[in-house]
Amino acid sequence: MRIGVIGAGAWGTALAQLAAADGEPVLLWAREPEVISAVNLAHENRLFLPGIPLSPSIEATTDPGRMDACDAILVAAPAQYVARVLARTPVGPRALVLCAKGIEASTGRLMTEVASTLHPRAPIAVLSGPTFAAEVANGKPTAVTLATTDDQTGRALIQRLARPHFRPYLSDDIIGAEIGGAVKNVIAIACGIVAGLGLGENARAALIARGFAEMTRFGVARGGRADTMAGLSGLGDLVLTCSSTQSRNFTLGKALGEGARADTLIGVGTSVAEGAFTAPVLAREAYRLGVDMPVVEAVRAMIEDGRSAREVVAALLARPLRGEG
């Protein structure tokens, strides 16, 4: 099974390195000419994943049409660009593995909904879980969820991607797997805010727990399963992303907690904090479904309304006392 990867950011590059670990050829699509030349000539992605030697069997290209030669395509472009890139990519009956974690801001669609609309013949899968790109690329032990309703495709992908250090677990709950990855980014921003304000570890632990409750309520309302939320693609990813400055979303939240304004941070730098785009659309979807998500709403208020970190934290602490659940 020849693998193609769309998106040569840190995560896409790490996935290409994973797929090429046994010397199999992997095609990596990128927008940036400097990434293309660095990967092909120096076998390193100096812009997004510096310092990690890449397999010489990875070939980078700017032509999405070359994905026609692949058997399965891993889509690791930022969530807000997935539709644009997939519209230019020949997919046909090839498996599409959605690796971006977010919700399309303009439509409220999940990545699986975007992909199945553009390429209805393609088997769809979701790869999600607690994954820092550099650790995957460096061969650190990692476990993920690979969710698909096509059992044959799922088993073939697991056989192709599994490594001694990389363990995929098969699931048929693609909605649940995708919801976990999208919501945890927003909760990670909130945890970064707590860190930036210096509110302590008790507060962060409480926020992770309450954020997990919000994730589960929303995931079930959208058609996912509660047990998926409690797995690698939900709770596992939530704990990782809410606990480390390696997380772009946590780092964004920390800067907000320290007094920076959202409009001066979003879109700055080479990496994308997906939670900043997900929070507003997630809050609107929660309202539409009648799902209570106060932490998500607090992050939305900072990003869209420009409210300060201290304001939104005070509002959360002033909420009426209630039963846990």
Protein backbone atom coordinates (compact mmCIF):
# COMPACT_ATOMS: atom_id res chain seq x y z
CA MET A 1 0.00 0.00 0.00
CA ARG A 2 1.64 3.22 -1.17
CA ILE A 3 0.91 6.12 1.17
CA GLY A 4 0.48 9.76 0.22
CA VAL A 5 0.37 12.54 2.80
CA ILE A 6 -1.33 15.89 2.17
CA GLY A 7 0.20 18.63 4.31
CA ALA A 8 3.88 18.94 5.20
CA GLY A 9 3.55 20.66 8.54
CA ALA A 10 4.98 18.97 11.62
CA TRP A 11 2.20 16.38 11.84
CA GLY A 12 2.10 15.55 8.13
CA THR A 13 5.87 15.19 8.05
CA ALA A 14 5.81 12.93 11.11
CA LEU A 15 3.17 10.75 9.46
CA ALA A 16 5.25 10.54 6.29
CA GLN A 17 8.26 9.50 8.38
CA LEU A 18 6.14 6.87 10.12
CA ALA A 19 4.88 5.43 6.84
CA ALA A 20 8.41 5.41 5.38
CA ALA A 21 10.02 3.73 8.38
CA ASP A 22 10.44 0.44 6.51
CA GLY A 23 11.83 2.11 3.40
CA GLU A 24 8.51 2.14 1.54
CA PRO A 25 8.09 5.12 -0.83
CA VAL A 26 5.88 7.90 0.55
CA LEU A 27 4.66 10.96 -1.35
CA LEU A 28 4.36 14.19 0.69
CA TRP A 29 2.44 17.18 -0.68
CA ALA A 30 3.48 20.65 0.49
CA ARG A 31 2.74 24.25 -0.49
CA GLU A 32 6.13 25.74 0.39
CA PRO A 33 8.95 25.43 -2.18
CA GLU A 34 11.56 25.61 0.60
CA VAL A 35 9.97 22.58 2.29
CA ILE A 36 10.01 20.65 -1.00
CA SER A 37 13.70 21.29 -1.61
CA ALA A 38 14.71 20.62 2.02
CA VAL A 39 12.84 17.30 2.18
CA ASN A 40 14.05 16.08 -1.21
CA LEU A 41 17.66 17.27 -0.99
CA ALA A 42 18.52 17.44 2.71
CA HIS A 43 15.94 14.91 3.98
CA GLU A 44 14.75 17.31 6.67
CA ASN A 45 11.75 19.61 7.07
CA ARG A 46 13.66 22.57 8.45
CA LEU A 47 10.61 24.84 8.57
CA PHE A 48 8.16 22.65 10.50
CA LEU A 49 10.09 19.73 12.01
CA PRO A 50 13.74 20.83 12.26
CA GLY A 51 16.50 18.59 13.50
CA ILE A 52 14.82 15.27 12.65
CA PRO A 53 16.42 13.27 9.79
CA LEU A 54 13.79 12.02 7.35
CA SER A 55 13.76 8.81 5.36
CA PRO A 56 15.17 9.22 1.83
CA SER A 57 12.14 7.26 0.58
CA ILE A 58 9.94 10.33 1.28
CA GLU A 59 9.44 12.41 -1.85
CA ALA A 60 7.92 15.89 -1.54
CA THR A 61 5.87 17.52 -4.30
CA THR A 62 3.73 20.61 -4.89
CA ASP A 63 1.46 18.73 -7.33
CA PRO A 64 -1.61 17.21 -5.61
CA GLY A 65 -2.38 15.38 -8.86
CA ARG A 66 0.47 12.98 -8.10
CA MET A 67 -1.61 11.50 -5.29
CA ASP A 68 -3.24 9.53 -8.10
CA ALA A 69 -0.33 7.07 -7.75
CA CYS A 70 -1.11 6.33 -4.08
CA ASP A 71 -3.34 3.66 -2.56
CA ALA A 72 -4.30 5.65 0.54
CA ILE A 73 -4.03 9.35 1.37
CA LEU A 74 -3.42 10.75 4.86
CA VAL A 75 -4.88 14.27 5.06
CA ALA A 76 -2.87 16.34 7.55
CA ALA A 77 -3.49 19.83 6.18
CA PRO A 78 -4.92 22.33 8.72
CA ALA A 79 -8.67 21.78 9.14
CA GLN A 80 -9.66 25.09 7.55
CA TYR A 81 -7.77 24.17 4.34
CA VAL A 82 -8.88 20.56 3.97
CA ALA A 83 -11.79 21.30 1.62
CA ARG A 84 -9.63 23.49 -0.61
CA VAL A 85 -6.86 20.92 -0.91
CA LEU A 86 -9.15 17.91 -1.37
CA ALA A 87 -11.01 19.72 -4.16
CA ARG A 88 -7.73 19.67 -6.14
CA THR A 89 -6.76 16.09 -5.28
CA PRO A 90 -7.66 13.04 -7.39
CA VAL A 91 -9.03 10.55 -4.87
CA GLY A 92 -11.56 8.26 -6.56
CA PRO A 93 -11.92 5.02 -4.57
CA ARG A 94 -8.71 5.52 -2.51
CA ALA A 95 -8.96 5.55 1.26
CA LEU A 96 -8.89 9.02 2.80
CA VAL A 97 -7.53 9.15 6.34
CA LEU A 98 -8.46 12.43 8.05
CA CYS A 99 -5.68 13.48 10.44
CA ALA A 100 -6.59 17.16 10.96
CA LYS A 101 -8.37 17.98 14.23
CA GLY A 102 -11.00 20.67 13.85
CA ILE A 103 -14.37 21.78 12.53
CA GLU A 104 -14.78 23.80 9.34
CA ALA A 105 -15.41 27.32 10.64
CA SER A 106 -17.54 28.52 7.71
CA THR A 107 -19.94 25.55 7.68
CA GLY A 108 -19.72 23.65 10.98
CA ARG A 109 -18.83 20.45 9.07
CA LEU A 110 -16.53 17.81 10.48
CA MET A 111 -13.57 16.80 8.32
CA THR A 112 -15.26 13.49 7.50
CA GLU A 113 -18.30 15.40 6.22
CA VAL A 114 -16.08 17.63 4.09
CA ALA A 115 -14.25 14.63 2.61
CA SER A 116 -17.31 12.49 1.92
CA THR A 117 -19.05 15.39 0.16
CA LEU A 118 -16.10 16.00 -2.15
CA HIS A 119 -15.18 12.34 -2.68
CA PRO A 120 -18.22 10.13 -2.07
CA ARG A 121 -16.52 6.98 -3.46
CA ALA A 122 -13.61 7.08 -1.04
CA PRO A 123 -13.59 4.98 2.14
CA ILE A 124 -13.19 7.46 5.01
CA ALA A 125 -11.12 6.95 8.16
CA VAL A 126 -10.05 9.16 11.08
CA LEU A 127 -6.62 8.94 12.71
CA SER A 128 -6.60 10.69 16.08
CA GLY A 129 -5.09 10.44 19.53
CA PRO A 130 -2.41 11.83 21.87
CA THR A 131 0.34 12.66 19.40
CA PHE A 132 3.06 15.26 19.45
CA ALA A 133 4.59 15.19 15.97
CA ALA A 134 8.24 15.30 17.05
CA GLU A 135 7.76 12.30 19.36
CA VAL A 136 6.13 10.23 16.60
CA ALA A 137 8.88 11.17 14.14
CA ASN A 138 11.54 10.29 16.73
CA GLY A 139 10.04 6.85 17.39
CA LYS A 140 8.67 7.51 20.89
CA PRO A 141 5.92 5.10 22.00
CA THR A 142 2.51 6.30 20.80
CA ALA A 143 -1.01 4.85 20.66
CA VAL A 144 -3.85 6.23 18.53
CA THR A 145 -7.38 5.53 17.36
CA LEU A 146 -7.99 4.66 13.73
CA ALA A 147 -11.74 4.87 13.14
CA THR A 148 -13.60 3.76 10.02
CA THR A 149 -16.84 2.02 9.16
CA ASP A 150 -15.02 0.09 6.40
CA ASP A 151 -13.47 -2.81 8.30
CA GLN A 152 -11.32 -4.02 5.38
CA THR A 153 -9.84 -0.56 4.88
CA GLY A 154 -9.25 -0.16 8.61
CA ARG A 155 -7.38 -3.44 8.96
CA ALA A 156 -5.24 -2.72 5.88
CA LEU A 157 -4.31 0.72 7.20
CA ILE A 158 -3.44 -0.62 10.64
CA GLN A 159 -1.16 -3.26 9.12
CA ARG A 160 0.53 -0.59 6.98
CA LEU A 161 1.00 2.05 9.70
CA ALA A 162 1.65 -0.02 12.84
CA ARG A 163 5.22 0.02 14.15
CA PRO A 164 6.80 -1.27 17.37
CA HIS A 165 6.52 2.30 18.71
CA PHE A 166 3.22 3.25 17.04
CA ARG A 167 0.10 1.29 17.96
CA PRO A 168 -3.24 2.05 16.24
CA TYR A 169 -6.47 0.74 17.79
CA LEU A 170 -9.36 0.10 15.39
CA SER A 171 -12.77 1.69 16.01
CA ASP A 172 -15.94 2.11 13.96
CA ASP A 173 -16.94 5.40 15.64
CA ILE A 174 -15.62 7.99 13.19
CA ILE A 175 -17.81 10.79 14.60
CA GLY A 176 -16.67 10.18 18.17
CA ALA A 177 -13.01 10.01 17.15
CA GLU A 178 -13.29 13.26 15.26
CA ILE A 179 -15.22 15.14 17.95
CA GLY A 180 -12.58 14.31 20.56
CA GLY A 181 -9.79 15.75 18.44
CA ALA A 182 -11.70 18.95 17.71
CA VAL A 183 -13.00 19.71 21.22
CA LYS A 184 -9.73 18.99 23.03
CA ASN A 185 -8.04 21.83 21.14
CA VAL A 186 -10.48 24.34 22.63
CA ILE A 187 -10.13 22.93 26.16
CA ALA A 188 -6.34 23.11 25.75
CA ILE A 189 -6.62 26.84 25.10
CA ALA A 190 -8.61 27.16 28.32
CA CYS A 191 -5.96 25.21 30.25
CA GLY A 192 -3.27 27.45 28.81
CA ILE A 193 -5.25 30.46 30.05
CA VAL A 194 -5.28 28.95 33.55
CA ALA A 195 -1.50 28.49 33.37
CA GLY A 196 -0.98 32.04 32.06
CA LEU A 197 -3.03 33.45 34.93
CA GLY A 198 -1.06 31.38 37.44
CA LEU A 199 -4.17 29.75 38.87
CA GLY A 200 -2.43 26.50 39.79
CA GLU A 201 -2.59 22.79 39.06
CA ASN A 202 -5.84 22.22 40.99
CA ALA A 203 -7.61 24.58 38.60
CA ARG A 204 -6.10 22.94 35.53
CA ALA A 205 -7.10 19.45 36.70
CA ALA A 206 -10.64 20.63 37.37
CA LEU A 207 -10.79 22.25 33.95
CA ILE A 208 -9.64 19.08 32.21
CA ALA A 209 -12.35 17.11 34.00
CA ARG A 210 -15.09 19.63 33.22
CA GLY A 211 -13.83 19.95 29.67
CA PHE A 212 -14.03 16.19 29.27
CA ALA A 213 -17.67 16.33 30.43
CA GLU A 214 -18.37 18.97 27.76
CA MET A 215 -16.61 16.89 25.11
CA THR A 216 -18.67 13.83 26.01
CA ARG A 217 -21.99 15.69 26.00
CA PHE A 218 -21.29 17.24 22.62
CA GLY A 219 -19.88 14.03 21.11
CA VAL A 220 -22.95 12.01 22.09
CA ALA A 221 -25.27 14.76 20.82
CA ARG A 222 -23.46 14.67 17.45
CA GLY A 223 -23.81 10.88 17.17
CA GLY A 224 -20.57 9.65 18.74
CA ARG A 225 -20.21 7.20 21.61
CA ALA A 226 -19.27 8.03 25.19
CA ASP A 227 -16.72 5.19 25.30
CA THR A 228 -14.89 6.75 22.35
CA MET A 229 -14.69 10.04 24.27
CA ALA A 230 -13.08 8.11 27.13
CA GLY A 231 -10.48 6.58 24.81
CA LEU A 232 -7.29 7.68 23.09
CA SER A 233 -8.90 10.10 20.64
CA GLY A 234 -10.85 11.81 23.45
CA LEU A 235 -9.53 11.73 27.01
CA GLY A 236 -6.06 10.61 25.97
CA ASP A 237 -5.58 13.49 23.55
CA LEU A 238 -7.20 15.92 26.00
CA VAL A 239 -4.74 15.11 28.79
CA LEU A 240 -1.73 15.44 26.49
CA THR A 241 -2.77 18.71 24.87
CA CYS A 242 -3.80 20.35 28.15
CA SER A 243 -0.53 19.58 29.91
CA SER A 244 2.37 20.70 27.74
CA THR A 245 3.77 23.77 26.02
CA GLN A 246 4.49 21.50 23.04
CA SER A 247 0.77 22.02 22.32
CA ARG A 248 0.13 25.02 20.07
CA ASN A 249 -3.32 25.45 21.58
CA PHE A 250 -2.03 25.38 25.15
CA THR A 251 0.68 27.88 24.21
CA LEU A 252 -1.90 30.20 22.63
CA GLY A 253 -4.03 30.03 25.78
CA LYS A 254 -1.05 30.71 28.02
CA ALA A 255 -0.27 33.88 26.05
CA LEU A 256 -3.91 34.95 26.39
CA GLY A 257 -3.77 34.34 30.12
CA GLU A 258 -0.64 36.47 30.34
CA GLY A 259 -2.52 39.38 28.78
CA ALA A 260 -2.09 39.09 25.01
CA ARG A 261 -5.06 39.71 22.74
CA ALA A 262 -6.36 36.92 20.53
CA ASP A 263 -6.39 39.05 17.38
CA THR A 264 -2.65 39.67 17.71
CA LEU A 265 -1.80 35.98 18.10
CA ILE A 266 -4.01 34.00 15.74
CA GLY A 267 -2.38 33.46 12.37
CA VAL A 268 1.07 34.50 13.61
CA GLY A 269 3.95 32.06 12.97
CA THR A 270 4.21 28.89 10.94
CA SER A 271 1.94 26.65 13.06
CA VAL A 272 -1.84 26.70 13.39
CA ALA A 273 -3.67 26.56 16.74
CA GLU A 274 -6.77 24.82 15.42
CA GLY A 275 -8.76 25.51 18.60
CA ALA A 276 -8.90 29.22 17.84
CA PHE A 277 -10.92 28.50 14.69
CA THR A 278 -12.91 25.68 16.26
CA ALA A 279 -14.11 27.50 19.41
CA PRO A 280 -16.61 29.89 17.74
CA VAL A 281 -18.22 27.28 15.49
CA LEU A 282 -18.22 24.70 18.27
CA ALA A 283 -19.99 27.13 20.62
CA ARG A 284 -22.63 27.82 17.96
CA GLU A 285 -23.14 24.11 17.26
CA ALA A 286 -23.47 23.42 20.99
CA TYR A 287 -26.13 26.12 21.27
CA ARG A 288 -27.98 24.68 18.27
CA LEU A 289 -27.97 21.22 19.84
CA GLY A 290 -28.84 22.45 23.32
CA VAL A 291 -25.55 21.22 24.79
CA ASP A 292 -24.13 23.13 27.78
CA MET A 293 -20.43 23.94 27.09
CA PRO A 294 -19.41 26.84 29.37
CA VAL A 295 -15.66 26.31 28.97
CA VAL A 296 -15.96 26.37 25.18
CA GLU A 297 -18.16 29.47 25.40
CA ALA A 298 -15.56 31.19 27.58
CA VAL A 299 -12.82 30.57 24.99
CA ARG A 300 -15.14 31.79 22.24
CA ALA A 301 -15.79 35.00 24.19
CA MET A 302 -12.07 35.73 24.36
CA ILE A 303 -11.48 35.00 20.67
CA GLU A 304 -14.57 36.59 19.13
CA ASP A 305 -15.59 39.24 21.68
CA GLY A 306 -12.16 40.25 22.94
CA ARG A 307 -13.01 39.59 26.59
CA SER A 308 -10.07 39.34 28.98
CA ALA A 309 -8.90 36.12 30.58
CA ARG A 310 -9.79 37.35 34.06
CA GLU A 311 -13.31 38.25 32.92
CA VAL A 312 -14.08 34.82 31.48
CA VAL A 313 -12.58 32.98 34.45
CA ALA A 314 -14.63 35.11 36.85
CA ALA A 315 -17.77 34.31 34.83
CA LEU A 316 -17.03 30.57 35.00
CA LEU A 317 -16.48 30.69 38.76
CA ALA A 318 -19.71 32.64 39.25
CA ARG A 319 -21.87 29.99 37.57
CA PRO A 320 -24.62 28.51 39.77
CA LEU A 321 -23.65 25.49 41.86
CA ARG A 322 -24.99 22.23 40.47
CA GLY A 323 -24.58 18.48 40.49
CA GLU A 324 -21.59 16.94 38.75
CA GLY A 325 -22.31 15.47 35.35
